[in-house]
Protein backbone atom coordinates (compact mmCIF):
# COMPACT_ATOMS: atom_id res chain seq x y z
CA MET A 1 2.83 13.28 -1.48
CA LYS A 2 -0.29 12.40 -3.42
CA THR A 3 -1.94 9.08 -2.58
CA ARG A 4 -1.89 6.83 -5.60
CA PRO A 5 -4.64 4.24 -5.24
CA TRP A 6 -3.06 1.95 -7.84
CA MET A 7 -0.02 1.73 -5.59
CA VAL A 8 -2.21 1.08 -2.61
CA VAL A 9 -4.61 -1.39 -4.19
CA LEU A 10 -3.77 -2.55 -7.68
CA GLY A 11 -0.14 -1.67 -7.17
CA VAL A 12 0.38 -4.77 -5.09
CA ALA A 13 -0.35 -6.92 -8.10
CA SER A 14 3.24 -7.48 -9.13
CA MET A 15 5.88 -9.39 -7.30
CA SER A 16 8.71 -8.15 -9.47
CA VAL A 17 10.67 -7.57 -6.29
CA ALA A 18 11.66 -11.21 -6.37
CA SER A 19 13.70 -12.32 -9.34
CA PRO A 20 11.79 -10.84 -12.29
CA ALA A 21 12.25 -13.99 -14.36
CA SER A 22 10.43 -16.16 -11.84
CA ALA A 23 7.85 -13.75 -10.43
CA ASP A 24 4.26 -13.73 -11.59
CA THR A 25 1.90 -10.81 -11.74
CA LEU A 26 -1.77 -11.11 -10.98
CA ASP A 27 -3.87 -11.98 -14.02
CA LEU A 28 -5.83 -8.72 -14.21
CA LYS A 29 -7.15 -6.75 -17.16
CA LEU A 30 -5.34 -3.51 -17.93
CA GLY A 31 -7.29 -0.27 -18.12
CA LEU A 32 -9.53 1.69 -15.77
CA TRP A 33 -10.09 0.23 -12.30
CA GLU A 34 -12.24 1.44 -9.43
CA SER A 35 -10.86 0.69 -5.99
CA THR A 36 -12.56 0.99 -2.62
CA PHE A 37 -10.43 0.75 0.48
CA THR A 38 -11.11 1.12 4.18
CA THR A 39 -8.27 2.11 6.50
CA ASN A 40 -8.11 2.03 10.26
CA VAL A 41 -5.32 3.44 12.44
CA SER A 42 -4.54 2.44 16.02
CA GLY A 43 -1.76 3.60 18.30
CA MET A 44 1.07 5.94 17.35
CA LEU A 45 2.62 5.18 13.96
CA VAL A 46 5.61 7.45 14.55
CA PRO A 47 8.42 5.86 16.59
CA GLU A 48 9.00 7.43 20.01
CA ASP A 49 12.59 8.42 19.20
CA GLN A 50 11.34 10.40 16.17
CA LEU A 51 8.70 12.10 18.30
CA LYS A 52 11.40 13.11 20.80
CA GLN A 53 13.36 14.82 18.02
CA MET A 54 10.41 17.00 16.98
CA PRO A 55 9.97 20.52 18.31
CA PRO A 56 7.24 20.51 21.01
CA ALA A 57 4.65 22.23 18.79
CA GLN A 58 5.21 19.77 15.93
CA ARG A 59 5.02 16.79 18.27
CA GLU A 60 1.79 18.13 19.75
CA ARG A 61 0.28 18.52 16.24
CA MET A 62 1.39 14.99 15.27
CA GLU A 63 -0.07 13.43 18.41
CA ALA A 64 -3.33 15.37 17.99
CA MET A 65 -3.61 14.27 14.36
CA MET A 66 -3.10 10.60 15.28
CA LYS A 67 -5.67 10.82 18.09
CA LYS A 68 -8.19 12.43 15.74
CA GLN A 69 -7.66 9.70 13.12
CA GLN A 70 -8.38 7.05 15.71
CA ALA A 71 -11.39 8.88 17.15
CA ASP A 72 -12.88 9.32 13.67
CA GLY A 73 -12.71 5.56 13.11
CA PRO A 74 -12.20 3.70 9.84
CA LYS A 75 -12.12 5.73 6.62
CA THR A 76 -13.50 4.42 3.33
CA ARG A 77 -12.47 5.92 0.00
CA THR A 78 -13.16 5.03 -3.60
CA SER A 79 -11.04 6.16 -6.50
CA ARG A 80 -10.33 5.32 -10.11
CA THR A 81 -6.93 4.66 -11.57
CA CYS A 82 -5.38 3.42 -14.78
CA LEU A 83 -3.60 0.10 -14.52
CA THR A 84 -0.93 -0.22 -17.19
CA GLN A 85 1.50 -3.06 -17.85
CA GLU A 86 4.32 -0.88 -16.49
CA LYS A 87 2.46 -0.18 -13.23
CA LEU A 88 1.64 -3.85 -12.89
CA ALA A 89 5.29 -4.82 -13.38
CA ARG A 90 6.73 -2.11 -11.07
CA ALA A 91 4.14 -2.20 -8.33
CA PHE A 92 6.34 -2.38 -5.22
CA GLU A 93 9.05 -0.04 -6.40
CA LYS A 94 9.18 3.40 -4.82
CA GLU A 95 10.88 5.88 -7.11
CA GLY A 96 13.21 8.45 -5.57
CA ARG A 97 12.64 7.43 -1.96
CA ASP A 98 15.95 7.15 -0.09
CA GLU A 99 14.33 5.41 2.87
CA GLU A 100 13.42 2.49 0.62
CA LYS A 101 17.10 1.56 0.49
CA ASN A 102 16.61 0.26 4.04
CA CYS A 103 13.67 -1.96 3.12
CA LYS A 104 13.74 -5.66 2.37
CA ARG A 105 10.89 -7.06 0.31
CA THR A 106 10.11 -10.76 0.47
CA ALA A 107 7.63 -12.42 -1.85
CA LEU A 108 5.73 -14.96 0.25
CA VAL A 109 3.27 -16.06 -2.45
CA SER A 110 3.51 -15.15 -6.11
CA THR A 111 0.92 -16.71 -8.38
CA ARG A 112 -1.35 -15.29 -11.07
CA SER A 113 -4.29 -15.47 -8.65
CA ARG A 114 -2.69 -14.55 -5.32
CA GLN A 115 0.13 -12.33 -4.12
CA GLU A 116 1.58 -11.87 -0.65
CA ILE A 117 4.58 -9.77 0.25
CA SER A 118 6.36 -8.72 3.40
CA ILE A 119 8.30 -5.44 3.52
CA VAL A 120 10.56 -4.81 6.52
CA CYS A 121 12.22 -1.39 6.75
CA THR A 122 14.99 -0.39 9.16
CA GLY A 123 16.79 2.90 9.64
CA ASP A 124 15.12 6.22 10.48
CA LYS A 125 11.59 5.01 9.68
CA PRO A 126 11.37 1.37 10.77
CA ARG A 127 8.15 -0.41 9.83
CA ARG A 128 6.76 -3.73 8.72
CA THR A 129 4.14 -4.10 5.97
CA GLU A 130 2.22 -7.24 5.06
CA TRP A 131 0.25 -7.21 1.76
CA ARG A 132 -2.22 -9.82 0.55
CA MET A 133 -4.11 -9.60 -2.73
CA GLU A 134 -6.24 -12.03 -4.67
CA ALA A 135 -7.50 -11.79 -8.24
CA THR A 136 -10.98 -13.24 -7.80
CA SER A 137 -11.38 -12.94 -11.59
CA ARG A 138 -9.60 -10.97 -14.34
CA GLU A 139 -11.97 -8.09 -13.54
CA THR A 140 -12.09 -8.15 -9.72
CA ALA A 141 -9.58 -8.22 -6.89
CA LYS A 142 -9.58 -7.98 -3.11
CA GLY A 143 -7.06 -7.93 -0.35
CA SER A 144 -5.61 -6.39 2.77
CA ALA A 145 -2.55 -4.70 4.14
CA LYS A 146 -1.17 -4.09 7.60
CA VAL A 147 1.56 -1.62 8.46
CA THR A 148 3.17 -1.73 11.91
CA SER A 149 5.38 1.17 12.98
CA GLY A 150 6.21 2.78 16.28
CA THR A 151 3.61 1.67 18.80
CA GLY A 152 0.78 1.63 16.27
CA SER A 153 -0.60 0.00 13.19
CA MET A 154 -2.71 0.77 10.16
CA THR A 155 -4.88 -1.83 8.49
CA MET A 156 -6.51 -1.60 5.09
CA ASP A 157 -9.03 -3.83 3.36
CA PHE A 158 -9.84 -3.27 -0.29
CA THR A 159 -11.81 -4.37 -3.30
CA ALA A 160 -11.18 -3.38 -6.89
CA LYS A 161 -13.12 -3.85 -10.09
CA TRP A 162 -12.27 -3.30 -13.72
CA VAL A 163 -14.33 -0.54 -15.31
CA GLY A 164 -13.10 -0.50 -18.93
CA LEU A 165 -10.23 -0.21 -21.36
CA GLU A 166 -10.22 3.60 -21.63
CA CYS A 167 -8.61 5.34 -18.69
CA GLY A 168 -9.52 8.93 -19.48
CA LYS A 169 -8.20 11.26 -16.76
CA ALA A 170 -7.62 8.63 -14.07
CA ASP A 171 -4.31 8.67 -12.12
């Protein structure tokens, strides 16, 4: 699946997962945004019982990949994306993902300048995600996320800035 930076960074701007009538979205300009995020992985993000179900070769590849990610250290990426009103309003929704049926989203803070959400998933892929995002102005935002799954975690810190109204070929 393609990584969609707006889902990762600007996508956390809406708290429409609460009751839509009472939830606020961050007060951000629509249009082209540039987002820079740094991720760091520690431990094994795949639960042990899932690893046990994998064929030995697949499990070996998965464990090697996770070890390499940790050895390589934090990764920083910058991308551009188009923030539309629809994306802002549907930020936490995952289309067509059956596993999301087992996830409970709780809006902890929902203001036009700050958003915090907790997502707890059960079932085959249990995990806990904590998102925090702040609109430092209508043209800048920053925040963090932490995902805990299996015996590992992934953290992400990000900044985002508005570039302009025209999105061009951005995601």
